[in-house]
Amino acid sequence: MKFCGIRELSNNTKAVLENVSQGNKVIITDNGKPTAMMIRINEDNFELILSLVQQLEMQANLSSIWNKALTDFPKGMTEEEIEEEISATRRDD
């Protein structure tokens, strides 16, 4: 896995894309912090990859909600607050 800053991506876009097309993953960073990931896709696996990424995003959001509920313990989140968070996450899709 390669890390690539925004400036490097801008200056060497073709080389970075060639690296990805060979099956390597590239993490794009902004001021040293990861902001995006590039992975190889094609017409045959596009729908599958998109679906998997959406599932991972939903799991991460749900995990964040539960962590927030547990962190706020003993106050915690009410069922209504949890449902509101889940609904907001679903609207973002």
PDB file of N, CA and C in Angstrom:
ATOM      1  N   MET A   1       0.846  -1.164   0.000  1.00  0.00           N
ATOM      2  CA  MET A   1       0.000   0.000   0.000  1.00  0.00           C
ATOM      3  C   MET A   1       0.897   1.234   0.000  1.00  0.00           C
ATOM      4  N   LYS A   2       0.548   2.178  -0.856  1.00  0.00           N
ATOM      5  CA  LYS A   2       1.358   3.384  -1.010  1.00  0.00           C
ATOM      6  C   LYS A   2       0.583   4.583  -0.474  1.00  0.00           C
ATOM      7  N   PHE A   3       1.287   5.506   0.147  1.00  0.00           N
ATOM      8  CA  PHE A   3       0.696   6.766   0.587  1.00  0.00           C
ATOM      9  C   PHE A   3       1.128   7.854  -0.377  1.00  0.00           C
ATOM     10  N   CYS A   4       0.201   8.718  -0.726  1.00  0.00           N
ATOM     11  CA  CYS A   4       0.461   9.729  -1.743  1.00  0.00           C
ATOM     12  C   CYS A   4      -0.203  11.035  -1.306  1.00  0.00           C
ATOM     13  N   GLY A   5       0.580  12.082  -1.226  1.00  0.00           N
ATOM     14  CA  GLY A   5       0.027  13.388  -0.874  1.00  0.00           C
ATOM     15  C   GLY A   5      -0.735  13.992  -2.044  1.00  0.00           C
ATOM     16  N   ILE A   6      -1.573  14.961  -1.737  1.00  0.00           N
ATOM     17  CA  ILE A   6      -2.377  15.614  -2.772  1.00  0.00           C
ATOM     18  C   ILE A   6      -1.495  16.234  -3.849  1.00  0.00           C
ATOM     19  N   ARG A   7      -0.414  16.868  -3.452  1.00  0.00           N
ATOM     20  CA  ARG A   7       0.477  17.498  -4.433  1.00  0.00           C
ATOM     21  C   ARG A   7       1.089  16.455  -5.357  1.00  0.00           C
ATOM     22  N   GLU A   8       1.546  15.342  -4.772  1.00  0.00           N
ATOM     23  CA  GLU A   8       2.116  14.268  -5.588  1.00  0.00           C
ATOM     24  C   GLU A   8       1.070  13.711  -6.555  1.00  0.00           C
ATOM     25  N   LEU A   9      -0.149  13.542  -6.071  1.00  0.00           N
ATOM     26  CA  LEU A   9      -1.224  13.053  -6.937  1.00  0.00           C
ATOM     27  C   LEU A   9      -1.472  14.026  -8.080  1.00  0.00           C
ATOM     28  N   SER A  10      -1.481  15.297  -7.771  1.00  0.00           N
ATOM     29  CA  SER A  10      -1.710  16.319  -8.796  1.00  0.00           C
ATOM     30  C   SER A  10      -0.583  16.333  -9.830  1.00  0.00           C
ATOM     31  N   ASN A  11       0.648  16.201  -9.355  1.00  0.00           N
ATOM     32  CA  ASN A  11       1.802  16.265 -10.256  1.00  0.00           C
ATOM     33  C   ASN A  11       2.055  14.960 -11.011  1.00  0.00           C
ATOM     34  N   ASN A  12       1.616  13.843 -10.469  1.00  0.00           N
ATOM     35  CA  ASN A  12       1.922  12.534 -11.056  1.00  0.00           C
ATOM     36  C   ASN A  12       0.677  11.665 -11.188  1.00  0.00           C
ATOM     37  N   THR A  13      -0.434  12.250 -11.597  1.00  0.00           N
ATOM     38  CA  THR A  13      -1.699  11.525 -11.653  1.00  0.00           C
ATOM     39  C   THR A  13      -1.603  10.243 -12.464  1.00  0.00           C
ATOM     40  N   LYS A  14      -1.016  10.317 -13.634  1.00  0.00           N
ATOM     41  CA  LYS A  14      -0.931   9.140 -14.502  1.00  0.00           C
ATOM     42  C   LYS A  14      -0.141   8.014 -13.834  1.00  0.00           C
ATOM     43  N   ALA A  15       0.979   8.332 -13.217  1.00  0.00           N
ATOM     44  CA  ALA A  15       1.799   7.314 -12.556  1.00  0.00           C
ATOM     45  C   ALA A  15       1.046   6.686 -11.380  1.00  0.00           C
ATOM     46  N   VAL A  16       0.323   7.510 -10.619  1.00  0.00           N
ATOM     47  CA  VAL A  16      -0.445   6.996  -9.484  1.00  0.00           C
ATOM     48  C   VAL A  16      -1.542   6.058  -9.993  1.00  0.00           C
ATOM     49  N   LEU A  17      -2.245   6.459 -11.060  1.00  0.00           N
ATOM     50  CA  LEU A  17      -3.300   5.617 -11.623  1.00  0.00           C
ATOM     51  C   LEU A  17      -2.742   4.314 -12.191  1.00  0.00           C
ATOM     52  N   GLU A  18      -1.569   4.366 -12.773  1.00  0.00           N
ATOM     53  CA  GLU A  18      -0.936   3.141 -13.276  1.00  0.00           C
ATOM     54  C   GLU A  18      -0.618   2.198 -12.118  1.00  0.00           C
ATOM     55  N   ASN A  19      -0.163   2.770 -11.016  1.00  0.00           N
ATOM     56  CA  ASN A  19       0.123   1.979  -9.817  1.00  0.00           C
ATOM     57  C   ASN A  19      -1.153   1.294  -9.327  1.00  0.00           C
ATOM     58  N   VAL A  20      -2.262   2.023  -9.296  1.00  0.00           N
ATOM     59  CA  VAL A  20      -3.538   1.466  -8.864  1.00  0.00           C
ATOM     60  C   VAL A  20      -4.015   0.398  -9.846  1.00  0.00           C
ATOM     61  N   SER A  21      -3.850   0.661 -11.140  1.00  0.00           N
ATOM     62  CA  SER A  21      -4.317  -0.302 -12.147  1.00  0.00           C
ATOM     63  C   SER A  21      -3.562  -1.631 -12.075  1.00  0.00           C
ATOM     64  N   GLN A  22      -2.394  -1.634 -11.450  1.00  0.00           N
ATOM     65  CA  GLN A  22      -1.624  -2.865 -11.267  1.00  0.00           C
ATOM     66  C   GLN A  22      -2.059  -3.622 -10.014  1.00  0.00           C
ATOM     67  N   GLY A  23      -3.094  -3.099  -9.325  1.00  0.00           N
ATOM     68  CA  GLY A  23      -3.623  -3.781  -8.147  1.00  0.00           C
ATOM     69  C   GLY A  23      -3.155  -3.225  -6.823  1.00  0.00           C
ATOM     70  N   ASN A  24      -2.358  -2.176  -6.851  1.00  0.00           N
ATOM     71  CA  ASN A  24      -1.888  -1.568  -5.609  1.00  0.00           C
ATOM     72  C   ASN A  24      -2.930  -0.589  -5.076  1.00  0.00           C
ATOM     73  N   LYS A  25      -3.027  -0.514  -3.775  1.00  0.00           N
ATOM     74  CA  LYS A  25      -3.911   0.459  -3.135  1.00  0.00           C
ATOM     75  C   LYS A  25      -3.102   1.713  -2.833  1.00  0.00           C
ATOM     76  N   VAL A  26      -3.725   2.881  -3.019  1.00  0.00           N
ATOM     77  CA  VAL A  26      -3.049   4.143  -2.744  1.00  0.00           C
ATOM     78  C   VAL A  26      -3.911   4.943  -1.778  1.00  0.00           C
ATOM     79  N   ILE A  27      -3.316   5.341  -0.677  1.00  0.00           N
ATOM     80  CA  ILE A  27      -3.988   6.193   0.295  1.00  0.00           C
ATOM     81  C   ILE A  27      -3.594   7.626  -0.013  1.00  0.00           C
ATOM     82  N   ILE A  28      -4.590   8.466  -0.243  1.00  0.00           N
ATOM     83  CA  ILE A  28      -4.346   9.883  -0.519  1.00  0.00           C
ATOM     84  C   ILE A  28      -4.351  10.621   0.811  1.00  0.00           C
ATOM     85  N   THR A  29      -3.324  11.432   1.025  1.00  0.00           N
ATOM     86  CA  THR A  29      -3.226  12.176   2.274  1.00  0.00           C
ATOM     87  C   THR A  29      -3.290  13.679   2.026  1.00  0.00           C
ATOM     88  N   ASP A  30      -3.784  14.372   3.022  1.00  0.00           N
ATOM     89  CA  ASP A  30      -3.821  15.837   3.019  1.00  0.00           C
ATOM     90  C   ASP A  30      -3.168  16.288   4.316  1.00  0.00           C
ATOM     91  N   ASN A  31      -2.044  16.943   4.197  1.00  0.00           N
ATOM     92  CA  ASN A  31      -1.251  17.337   5.368  1.00  0.00           C
ATOM     93  C   ASN A  31      -0.931  16.134   6.252  1.00  0.00           C
ATOM     94  N   GLY A  32      -0.609  15.010   5.598  1.00  0.00           N
ATOM     95  CA  GLY A  32      -0.202  13.811   6.310  1.00  0.00           C
ATOM     96  C   GLY A  32      -1.341  12.976   6.864  1.00  0.00           C
ATOM     97  N   LYS A  33      -2.583  13.438   6.696  1.00  0.00           N
ATOM     98  CA  LYS A  33      -3.731  12.699   7.221  1.00  0.00           C
ATOM     99  C   LYS A  33      -4.458  11.994   6.079  1.00  0.00           C
ATOM    100  N   PRO A  34      -4.792  10.720   6.252  1.00  0.00           N
ATOM    101  CA  PRO A  34      -5.488   9.994   5.180  1.00  0.00           C
ATOM    102  C   PRO A  34      -6.862  10.601   4.909  1.00  0.00           C
ATOM    103  N   THR A  35      -7.179  10.796   3.614  1.00  0.00           N
ATOM    104  CA  THR A  35      -8.466  11.378   3.247  1.00  0.00           C
ATOM    105  C   THR A  35      -9.228  10.534   2.234  1.00  0.00           C
ATOM    106  N   ALA A  36      -8.532   9.681   1.501  1.00  0.00           N
ATOM    107  CA  ALA A  36      -9.194   8.864   0.480  1.00  0.00           C
ATOM    108  C   ALA A  36      -8.324   7.653   0.189  1.00  0.00           C
ATOM    109  N   MET A  37      -8.949   6.653  -0.437  1.00  0.00           N
ATOM    110  CA  MET A  37      -8.210   5.473  -0.851  1.00  0.00           C
ATOM    111  C   MET A  37      -8.568   5.152  -2.296  1.00  0.00           C
ATOM    112  N   MET A  38      -7.573   4.873  -3.096  1.00  0.00           N
ATOM    113  CA  MET A  38      -7.785   4.478  -4.484  1.00  0.00           C
ATOM    114  C   MET A  38      -7.534   2.985  -4.597  1.00  0.00           C
ATOM    115  N   ILE A  39      -8.495   2.285  -5.229  1.00  0.00           N
ATOM    116  CA  ILE A  39      -8.352   0.855  -5.460  1.00  0.00           C
ATOM    117  C   ILE A  39      -8.724   0.566  -6.907  1.00  0.00           C
ATOM    118  N   ARG A  40      -8.234  -0.547  -7.406  1.00  0.00           N
ATOM    119  CA  ARG A  40      -8.507  -0.927  -8.790  1.00  0.00           C
ATOM    120  C   ARG A  40      -9.949  -1.423  -8.908  1.00  0.00           C
ATOM    121  N   ILE A  41     -10.643  -0.923  -9.921  1.00  0.00           N
ATOM    122  CA  ILE A  41     -11.971  -1.428 -10.258  1.00  0.00           C
ATOM    123  C   ILE A  41     -12.043  -1.572 -11.775  1.00  0.00           C
ATOM    124  N   ASN A  42     -13.040  -2.303 -12.221  1.00  0.00           N
ATOM    125  CA  ASN A  42     -13.281  -2.420 -13.658  1.00  0.00           C
ATOM    126  C   ASN A  42     -14.773  -2.583 -13.881  1.00  0.00           C
ATOM    127  N   GLU A  43     -15.178  -2.691 -15.112  1.00  0.00           N
ATOM    128  CA  GLU A  43     -16.610  -2.809 -15.417  1.00  0.00           C
ATOM    129  C   GLU A  43     -17.219  -4.045 -14.770  1.00  0.00           C
ATOM    130  N   ASP A  44     -16.448  -5.108 -14.654  1.00  0.00           N
ATOM    131  CA  ASP A  44     -16.974  -6.362 -14.117  1.00  0.00           C
ATOM    132  C   ASP A  44     -17.204  -6.322 -12.604  1.00  0.00           C
ATOM    133  N   ASN A  45     -16.352  -5.594 -11.863  1.00  0.00           N
ATOM    134  CA  ASN A  45     -16.489  -5.604 -10.407  1.00  0.00           C
ATOM    135  C   ASN A  45     -16.975  -4.281  -9.826  1.00  0.00           C
ATOM    136  N   PHE A  46     -17.293  -3.319 -10.665  1.00  0.00           N
ATOM    137  CA  PHE A  46     -17.682  -1.990 -10.196  1.00  0.00           C
ATOM    138  C   PHE A  46     -18.861  -2.038  -9.223  1.00  0.00           C
ATOM    139  N   GLU A  47     -19.948  -2.702  -9.610  1.00  0.00           N
ATOM    140  CA  GLU A  47     -21.150  -2.748  -8.765  1.00  0.00           C
ATOM    141  C   GLU A  47     -20.858  -3.436  -7.436  1.00  0.00           C
ATOM    142  N   LEU A  48     -20.103  -4.523  -7.477  1.00  0.00           N
ATOM    143  CA  LEU A  48     -19.754  -5.250  -6.254  1.00  0.00           C
ATOM    144  C   LEU A  48     -18.914  -4.376  -5.334  1.00  0.00           C
ATOM    145  N   ILE A  49     -17.883  -3.750  -5.882  1.00  0.00           N
ATOM    146  CA  ILE A  49     -17.010  -2.894  -5.069  1.00  0.00           C
ATOM    147  C   ILE A  49     -17.806  -1.740  -4.465  1.00  0.00           C
ATOM    148  N   LEU A  50     -18.653  -1.110  -5.257  1.00  0.00           N
ATOM    149  CA  LEU A  50     -19.468  -0.004  -4.765  1.00  0.00           C
ATOM    150  C   LEU A  50     -20.363  -0.470  -3.617  1.00  0.00           C
ATOM    151  N   SER A  51     -21.000  -1.613  -3.782  1.00  0.00           N
ATOM    152  CA  SER A  51     -21.866  -2.157  -2.742  1.00  0.00           C
ATOM    153  C   SER A  51     -21.086  -2.457  -1.465  1.00  0.00           C
ATOM    154  N   LEU A  52     -19.908  -3.045  -1.599  1.00  0.00           N
ATOM    155  CA  LEU A  52     -19.083  -3.356  -0.432  1.00  0.00           C
ATOM    156  C   LEU A  52     -18.633  -2.099   0.295  1.00  0.00           C
ATOM    157  N   VAL A  53     -18.251  -1.076  -0.456  1.00  0.00           N
ATOM    158  CA  VAL A  53     -17.832   0.193   0.161  1.00  0.00           C
ATOM    159  C   VAL A  53     -19.004   0.812   0.923  1.00  0.00           C
ATOM    160  N   GLN A  54     -20.194   0.786   0.338  1.00  0.00           N
ATOM    161  CA  GLN A  54     -21.371   1.336   1.010  1.00  0.00           C
ATOM    162  C   GLN A  54     -21.671   0.559   2.298  1.00  0.00           C
ATOM    163  N   GLN A  55     -21.511  -0.759   2.259  1.00  0.00           N
ATOM    164  CA  GLN A  55     -21.731  -1.564   3.462  1.00  0.00           C
ATOM    165  C   GLN A  55     -20.716  -1.210   4.542  1.00  0.00           C
ATOM    166  N   LEU A  56     -19.458  -1.034   4.148  1.00  0.00           N
ATOM    167  CA  LEU A  56     -18.418  -0.670   5.112  1.00  0.00           C
ATOM    168  C   LEU A  56     -18.686   0.700   5.727  1.00  0.00           C
ATOM    169  N   GLU A  57     -19.129   1.644   4.905  1.00  0.00           N
ATOM    170  CA  GLU A  57     -19.454   2.974   5.424  1.00  0.00           C
ATOM    171  C   GLU A  57     -20.591   2.893   6.432  1.00  0.00           C
ATOM    172  N   MET A  58     -21.615   2.098   6.123  1.00  0.00           N
ATOM    173  CA  MET A  58     -22.746   1.945   7.029  1.00  0.00           C
ATOM    174  C   MET A  58     -22.303   1.302   8.338  1.00  0.00           C
ATOM    175  N   GLN A  59     -21.447   0.278   8.254  1.00  0.00           N
ATOM    176  CA  GLN A  59     -20.950  -0.367   9.470  1.00  0.00           C
ATOM    177  C   GLN A  59     -20.125   0.607  10.311  1.00  0.00           C
ATOM    178  N   ALA A  60     -19.298   1.413   9.656  1.00  0.00           N
ATOM    179  CA  ALA A  60     -18.487   2.393  10.384  1.00  0.00           C
ATOM    180  C   ALA A  60     -19.377   3.422  11.072  1.00  0.00           C
ATOM    181  N   ASN A  61     -20.424   3.868  10.374  1.00  0.00           N
ATOM    182  CA  ASN A  61     -21.349   4.832  10.970  1.00  0.00           C
ATOM    183  C   ASN A  61     -22.084   4.227  12.159  1.00  0.00           C
ATOM    184  N   LEU A  62     -22.523   2.996  12.017  1.00  0.00           N
ATOM    185  CA  LEU A  62     -23.225   2.326  13.104  1.00  0.00           C
ATOM    186  C   LEU A  62     -22.297   2.128  14.300  1.00  0.00           C
ATOM    187  N   SER A  63     -21.063   1.744  14.023  1.00  0.00           N
ATOM    188  CA  SER A  63     -20.083   1.579  15.090  1.00  0.00           C
ATOM    189  C   SER A  63     -19.854   2.900  15.820  1.00  0.00           C
ATOM    190  N   SER A  64     -19.789   3.979  15.064  1.00  0.00           N
ATOM    191  CA  SER A  64     -19.606   5.306  15.661  1.00  0.00           C
ATOM    192  C   SER A  64     -20.779   5.664  16.570  1.00  0.00           C
ATOM    193  N   ILE A  65     -21.988   5.340  16.123  1.00  0.00           N
ATOM    194  CA  ILE A  65     -23.180   5.618  16.929  1.00  0.00           C
ATOM    195  C   ILE A  65     -23.123   4.838  18.236  1.00  0.00           C
ATOM    196  N   TRP A  66     -22.797   3.542  18.144  1.00  0.00           N
ATOM    197  CA  TRP A  66     -22.737   2.724  19.354  1.00  0.00           C
ATOM    198  C   TRP A  66     -21.620   3.183  20.279  1.00  0.00           C
ATOM    199  N   ASN A  67     -20.475   3.557  19.720  1.00  0.00           N
ATOM    200  CA  ASN A  67     -19.378   4.057  20.550  1.00  0.00           C
ATOM    201  C   ASN A  67     -19.791   5.333  21.270  1.00  0.00           C
ATOM    202  N   LYS A  68     -20.521   6.197  20.572  1.00  0.00           N
ATOM    203  CA  LYS A  68     -20.998   7.428  21.189  1.00  0.00           C
ATOM    204  C   LYS A  68     -21.956   7.104  22.324  1.00  0.00           C
ATOM    205  N   ALA A  69     -22.844   6.140  22.103  1.00  0.00           N
ATOM    206  CA  ALA A  69     -23.796   5.745  23.139  1.00  0.00           C
ATOM    207  C   ALA A  69     -23.066   5.179  24.352  1.00  0.00           C
ATOM    208  N   LEU A  70     -22.054   4.360  24.115  1.00  0.00           N
ATOM    209  CA  LEU A  70     -21.312   3.757  25.221  1.00  0.00           C
ATOM    210  C   LEU A  70     -20.442   4.782  25.943  1.00  0.00           C
ATOM    211  N   THR A  71     -19.873   5.723  25.206  1.00  0.00           N
ATOM    212  CA  THR A  71     -19.024   6.752  25.798  1.00  0.00           C
ATOM    213  C   THR A  71     -19.829   7.652  26.720  1.00  0.00           C
ATOM    214  N   ASP A  72     -21.065   7.924  26.350  1.00  0.00           N
ATOM    215  CA  ASP A  72     -21.920   8.800  27.140  1.00  0.00           C
ATOM    216  C   ASP A  72     -22.526   8.090  28.348  1.00  0.00           C
ATOM    217  N   PHE A  73     -22.242   6.779  28.491  1.00  0.00           N
ATOM    218  CA  PHE A  73     -22.790   6.025  29.606  1.00  0.00           C
ATOM    219  C   PHE A  73     -22.309   6.632  30.909  1.00  0.00           C
ATOM    220  N   PRO A  74     -23.087   6.758  31.976  1.00  0.00           N
ATOM    221  CA  PRO A  74     -24.401   6.182  32.145  1.00  0.00           C
ATOM    222  C   PRO A  74     -25.534   6.999  31.518  1.00  0.00           C
ATOM    223  N   LYS A  75     -25.268   8.233  31.122  1.00  0.00           N
ATOM    224  CA  LYS A  75     -26.332   8.996  30.474  1.00  0.00           C
ATOM    225  C   LYS A  75     -26.792   8.277  29.223  1.00  0.00           C
ATOM    226  N   GLY A  76     -25.822   7.915  28.349  1.00  0.00           N
ATOM    227  CA  GLY A  76     -26.134   7.188  27.128  1.00  0.00           C
ATOM    228  C   GLY A  76     -27.054   7.962  26.201  1.00  0.00           C
ATOM    229  N   MET A  77     -27.406   7.325  25.126  1.00  0.00           N
ATOM    230  CA  MET A  77     -28.346   7.900  24.165  1.00  0.00           C
ATOM    231  C   MET A  77     -29.681   7.195  24.334  1.00  0.00           C
ATOM    232  N   THR A  78     -30.733   7.947  24.171  1.00  0.00           N
ATOM    233  CA  THR A  78     -32.052   7.333  24.214  1.00  0.00           C
ATOM    234  C   THR A  78     -32.275   6.562  22.920  1.00  0.00           C
ATOM    235  N   GLU A  79     -33.263   5.681  22.930  1.00  0.00           N
ATOM    236  CA  GLU A  79     -33.589   4.956  21.703  1.00  0.00           C
ATOM    237  C   GLU A  79     -33.932   5.933  20.589  1.00  0.00           C
ATOM    238  N   GLU A  80     -34.624   7.004  20.946  1.00  0.00           N
ATOM    239  CA  GLU A  80     -35.008   8.015  19.952  1.00  0.00           C
ATOM    240  C   GLU A  80     -33.769   8.662  19.331  1.00  0.00           C
ATOM    241  N   GLU A  81     -32.769   8.980  20.154  1.00  0.00           N
ATOM    242  CA  GLU A  81     -31.536   9.580  19.634  1.00  0.00           C
ATOM    243  C   GLU A  81     -30.788   8.614  18.718  1.00  0.00           C
ATOM    244  N   ILE A  82     -30.761   7.346  19.095  1.00  0.00           N
ATOM    245  CA  ILE A  82     -30.098   6.340  18.268  1.00  0.00           C
ATOM    246  C   ILE A  82     -30.819   6.205  16.934  1.00  0.00           C
ATOM    247  N   GLU A  83     -32.151   6.125  16.965  1.00  0.00           N
ATOM    248  CA  GLU A  83     -32.933   6.029  15.728  1.00  0.00           C
ATOM    249  C   GLU A  83     -32.718   7.258  14.855  1.00  0.00           C
ATOM    250  N   GLU A  84     -32.623   8.434  15.482  1.00  0.00           N
ATOM    251  CA  GLU A  84     -32.388   9.679  14.740  1.00  0.00           C
ATOM    252  C   GLU A  84     -31.027   9.647  14.041  1.00  0.00           C
ATOM    253  N   GLU A  85     -30.006   9.151  14.743  1.00  0.00           N
ATOM    254  CA  GLU A  85     -28.667   9.036  14.156  1.00  0.00           C
ATOM    255  C   GLU A  85     -28.680   8.063  12.983  1.00  0.00           C
ATOM    256  N   ILE A  86     -29.354   6.936  13.155  1.00  0.00           N
ATOM    257  CA  ILE A  86     -29.423   5.935  12.083  1.00  0.00           C
ATOM    258  C   ILE A  86     -30.151   6.512  10.876  1.00  0.00           C
ATOM    259  N   SER A  87     -31.247   7.206  11.109  1.00  0.00           N
ATOM    260  CA  SER A  87     -32.006   7.827  10.008  1.00  0.00           C
ATOM    261  C   SER A  87     -31.166   8.855   9.279  1.00  0.00           C
ATOM    262  N   ALA A  88     -30.412   9.659  10.032  1.00  0.00           N
ATOM    263  CA  ALA A  88     -29.551  10.677   9.401  1.00  0.00           C
ATOM    264  C   ALA A  88     -28.485  10.026   8.544  1.00  0.00           C
ATOM    265  N   THR A  89     -27.930   8.921   9.017  1.00  0.00           N
ATOM    266  CA  THR A  89     -26.925   8.187   8.247  1.00  0.00           C
ATOM    267  C   THR A  89     -27.524   7.639   6.968  1.00  0.00           C
ATOM    268  N   ARG A  90     -28.722   7.104   7.052  1.00  0.00           N
ATOM    269  CA  ARG A  90     -29.367   6.558   5.863  1.00  0.00           C
ATOM    270  C   ARG A  90     -29.677   7.651   4.840  1.00  0.00           C
ATOM    271  N   ARG A  91     -30.033   8.836   5.293  1.00  0.00           N
ATOM    272  CA  ARG A  91     -30.326   9.945   4.377  1.00  0.00           C
ATOM    273  C   ARG A  91     -29.071  10.377   3.631  1.00  0.00           C
ATOM    274  N   ASP A  92     -27.896  10.204   4.239  1.00  0.00           N
ATOM    275  CA  ASP A  92     -26.638  10.609   3.611  1.00  0.00           C
ATOM    276  C   ASP A  92     -26.273   9.723   2.431  1.00  0.00           C
ATOM    277  N   ASP A  93     -26.855   8.548   2.330  1.00  0.00           N
ATOM    278  CA  ASP A  93     -26.517   7.628   1.234  1.00  0.00           C
ATOM    279  C   ASP A  93     -27.093   8.113  -0.007  1.00  0.00           C
TER     280      ASP A  93
END
